Amino acid sequence: MFLLTVGTVGAIYAIVRVIEVTEVSSSQLIASYLAQEGIEIVRNIRDGNWLEGSVWDTGLTGCEPTGAGCQADYTNTQSLVSFTGDPLNIDG
């Protein structure tokens, strides 16, 4: 009976740990993809400026005075806007 109890508790603990690790890994993967998308947007703005003959950082410097950073929207790749605190809308 003791061995059965120890085995069951061990299996349940292992399952709980796998679920926790899976959730953390999922969040890290999403964060990685969002960071990659942000970098691609900035590179797209920079490359567009080069093709137009503009200064490379046109559209990238407008939100510095706020101190809050910038946010990027893939539907508007002409410039970054000041961060307004709006959360990202994932899955919808």
C-alpha atoms as a PDB file:
ATOM      1  CA  MET A   1       0.000   0.000   0.000  1.00  0.00           C
ATOM      2  CA  PHE A   2       2.849   2.388   0.842  1.00  0.00           C
ATOM      3  CA  LEU A   3       4.506   1.843  -2.533  1.00  0.00           C
ATOM      4  CA  LEU A   4       1.227   2.430  -4.358  1.00  0.00           C
ATOM      5  CA  THR A   5       0.705   5.724  -2.506  1.00  0.00           C
ATOM      6  CA  VAL A   6       4.263   6.916  -3.136  1.00  0.00           C
ATOM      7  CA  GLY A   7       4.006   5.962  -6.806  1.00  0.00           C
ATOM      8  CA  THR A   8       0.686   7.762  -7.239  1.00  0.00           C
ATOM      9  CA  VAL A   9       1.886  10.922  -5.485  1.00  0.00           C
ATOM     10  CA  GLY A  10       5.072  10.893  -7.568  1.00  0.00           C
ATOM     11  CA  ALA A  11       3.127  10.534 -10.807  1.00  0.00           C
ATOM     12  CA  ILE A  12       0.733  13.345  -9.896  1.00  0.00           C
ATOM     13  CA  TYR A  13       3.663  15.618  -8.965  1.00  0.00           C
ATOM     14  CA  ALA A  14       5.362  14.861 -12.279  1.00  0.00           C
ATOM     15  CA  ILE A  15       2.185  15.675 -14.217  1.00  0.00           C
ATOM     16  CA  VAL A  16       1.737  18.983 -12.366  1.00  0.00           C
ATOM     17  CA  ARG A  17       5.364  19.967 -13.070  1.00  0.00           C
ATOM     18  CA  VAL A  18       4.986  19.151 -16.778  1.00  0.00           C
ATOM     19  CA  ILE A  19       1.881  21.354 -16.969  1.00  0.00           C
ATOM     20  CA  GLU A  20       3.680  24.245 -15.221  1.00  0.00           C
ATOM     21  CA  VAL A  21       6.719  23.992 -17.489  1.00  0.00           C
ATOM     22  CA  THR A  22       4.493  23.819 -20.569  1.00  0.00           C
ATOM     23  CA  GLU A  23       2.687  27.036 -19.599  1.00  0.00           C
ATOM     24  CA  VAL A  24       5.968  28.886 -19.019  1.00  0.00           C
ATOM     25  CA  SER A  25       7.421  27.618 -22.293  1.00  0.00           C
ATOM     26  CA  SER A  26       4.305  28.713 -24.151  1.00  0.00           C
ATOM     27  CA  SER A  27       4.532  32.234 -22.708  1.00  0.00           C
ATOM     28  CA  GLN A  28       8.225  32.456 -23.577  1.00  0.00           C
ATOM     29  CA  LEU A  29       7.546  31.327 -27.135  1.00  0.00           C
ATOM     30  CA  ILE A  30       4.800  33.943 -27.571  1.00  0.00           C
ATOM     31  CA  ALA A  31       7.111  36.648 -26.168  1.00  0.00           C
ATOM     32  CA  SER A  32       9.838  35.594 -28.574  1.00  0.00           C
ATOM     33  CA  TYR A  33       7.502  35.819 -31.567  1.00  0.00           C
ATOM     34  CA  LEU A  34       6.196  39.241 -30.483  1.00  0.00           C
ATOM     35  CA  ALA A  35       9.747  40.548 -30.079  1.00  0.00           C
ATOM     36  CA  GLN A  36      10.663  39.195 -33.505  1.00  0.00           C
ATOM     37  CA  GLU A  37       7.626  40.904 -35.038  1.00  0.00           C
ATOM     38  CA  GLY A  38       8.599  44.214 -33.413  1.00  0.00           C
ATOM     39  CA  ILE A  39      12.114  43.961 -34.801  1.00  0.00           C
ATOM     40  CA  GLU A  40      10.739  43.194 -38.262  1.00  0.00           C
ATOM     41  CA  ILE A  41       8.464  46.260 -38.129  1.00  0.00           C
ATOM     42  CA  VAL A  42      11.374  48.536 -37.172  1.00  0.00           C
ATOM     43  CA  ARG A  43      13.554  47.049 -39.928  1.00  0.00           C
ATOM     44  CA  ASN A  44      10.717  47.544 -42.412  1.00  0.00           C
ATOM     45  CA  ILE A  45      10.411  51.228 -41.447  1.00  0.00           C
ATOM     46  CA  ARG A  46      14.188  51.663 -41.696  1.00  0.00           C
ATOM     47  CA  ASP A  47      14.376  49.929 -45.092  1.00  0.00           C
ATOM     48  CA  GLY A  48      11.417  51.963 -46.390  1.00  0.00           C
ATOM     49  CA  ASN A  49      13.182  55.160 -45.353  1.00  0.00           C
ATOM     50  CA  TRP A  50      16.307  54.074 -47.225  1.00  0.00           C
ATOM     51  CA  LEU A  51      14.302  53.322 -50.385  1.00  0.00           C
ATOM     52  CA  GLU A  52      12.595  56.730 -50.179  1.00  0.00           C
ATOM     53  CA  GLY A  53      15.901  58.520 -49.616  1.00  0.00           C
ATOM     54  CA  SER A  54      14.837  59.691 -46.149  1.00  0.00           C
ATOM     55  CA  VAL A  55      16.911  59.724 -42.992  1.00  0.00           C
ATOM     56  CA  TRP A  56      17.007  56.151 -41.679  1.00  0.00           C
ATOM     57  CA  ASP A  57      15.291  56.928 -38.338  1.00  0.00           C
ATOM     58  CA  THR A  58      12.312  58.859 -39.736  1.00  0.00           C
ATOM     59  CA  GLY A  59       9.230  57.491 -37.978  1.00  0.00           C
ATOM     60  CA  LEU A  60      11.283  55.809 -35.272  1.00  0.00           C
ATOM     61  CA  THR A  61      11.986  58.752 -32.972  1.00  0.00           C
ATOM     62  CA  GLY A  62       8.560  60.318 -32.332  1.00  0.00           C
ATOM     63  CA  CYS A  63       7.853  58.569 -29.060  1.00  0.00           C
ATOM     64  CA  GLU A  64      11.139  59.103 -27.218  1.00  0.00           C
ATOM     65  CA  PRO A  65      10.064  62.230 -25.246  1.00  0.00           C
ATOM     66  CA  THR A  66       7.276  60.353 -23.463  1.00  0.00           C
ATOM     67  CA  GLY A  67       9.712  58.009 -21.753  1.00  0.00           C
ATOM     68  CA  ALA A  68       7.111  55.250 -21.946  1.00  0.00           C
ATOM     69  CA  GLY A  69       8.501  53.617 -25.073  1.00  0.00           C
ATOM     70  CA  CYS A  70       6.780  52.847 -28.338  1.00  0.00           C
ATOM     71  CA  GLN A  71       4.214  50.434 -29.619  1.00  0.00           C
ATOM     72  CA  ALA A  72       4.026  49.033 -33.117  1.00  0.00           C
ATOM     73  CA  ASP A  73       1.050  47.898 -35.135  1.00  0.00           C
ATOM     74  CA  TYR A  74       1.595  45.663 -38.140  1.00  0.00           C
ATOM     75  CA  THR A  75      -1.179  47.488 -40.005  1.00  0.00           C
ATOM     76  CA  ASN A  76       0.729  50.798 -39.771  1.00  0.00           C
ATOM     77  CA  THR A  77       4.337  50.299 -40.740  1.00  0.00           C
ATOM     78  CA  GLN A  78       5.056  53.961 -41.507  1.00  0.00           C
ATOM     79  CA  SER A  79       5.964  54.959 -37.963  1.00  0.00           C
ATOM     80  CA  LEU A  80       5.851  53.952 -34.325  1.00  0.00           C
ATOM     81  CA  VAL A  81       3.455  55.633 -31.906  1.00  0.00           C
ATOM     82  CA  SER A  82       3.849  56.475 -28.236  1.00  0.00           C
ATOM     83  CA  PHE A  83       2.890  53.645 -25.909  1.00  0.00           C
ATOM     84  CA  THR A  84      -0.613  54.204 -24.531  1.00  0.00           C
ATOM     85  CA  GLY A  85      -0.789  51.253 -22.169  1.00  0.00           C
ATOM     86  CA  ASP A  86      -3.167  49.291 -24.372  1.00  0.00           C
ATOM     87  CA  PRO A  87      -2.491  45.572 -24.004  1.00  0.00           C
ATOM     88  CA  LEU A  88      -1.816  43.446 -27.034  1.00  0.00           C
ATOM     89  CA  ASN A  89      -4.871  41.622 -28.291  1.00  0.00           C
ATOM     90  CA  ILE A  90      -3.886  38.017 -28.849  1.00  0.00           C
ATOM     91  CA  ASP A  91      -6.323  35.617 -30.506  1.00  0.00           C
ATOM     92  CA  GLY A  92      -8.858  38.153 -31.508  1.00  0.00           C
END
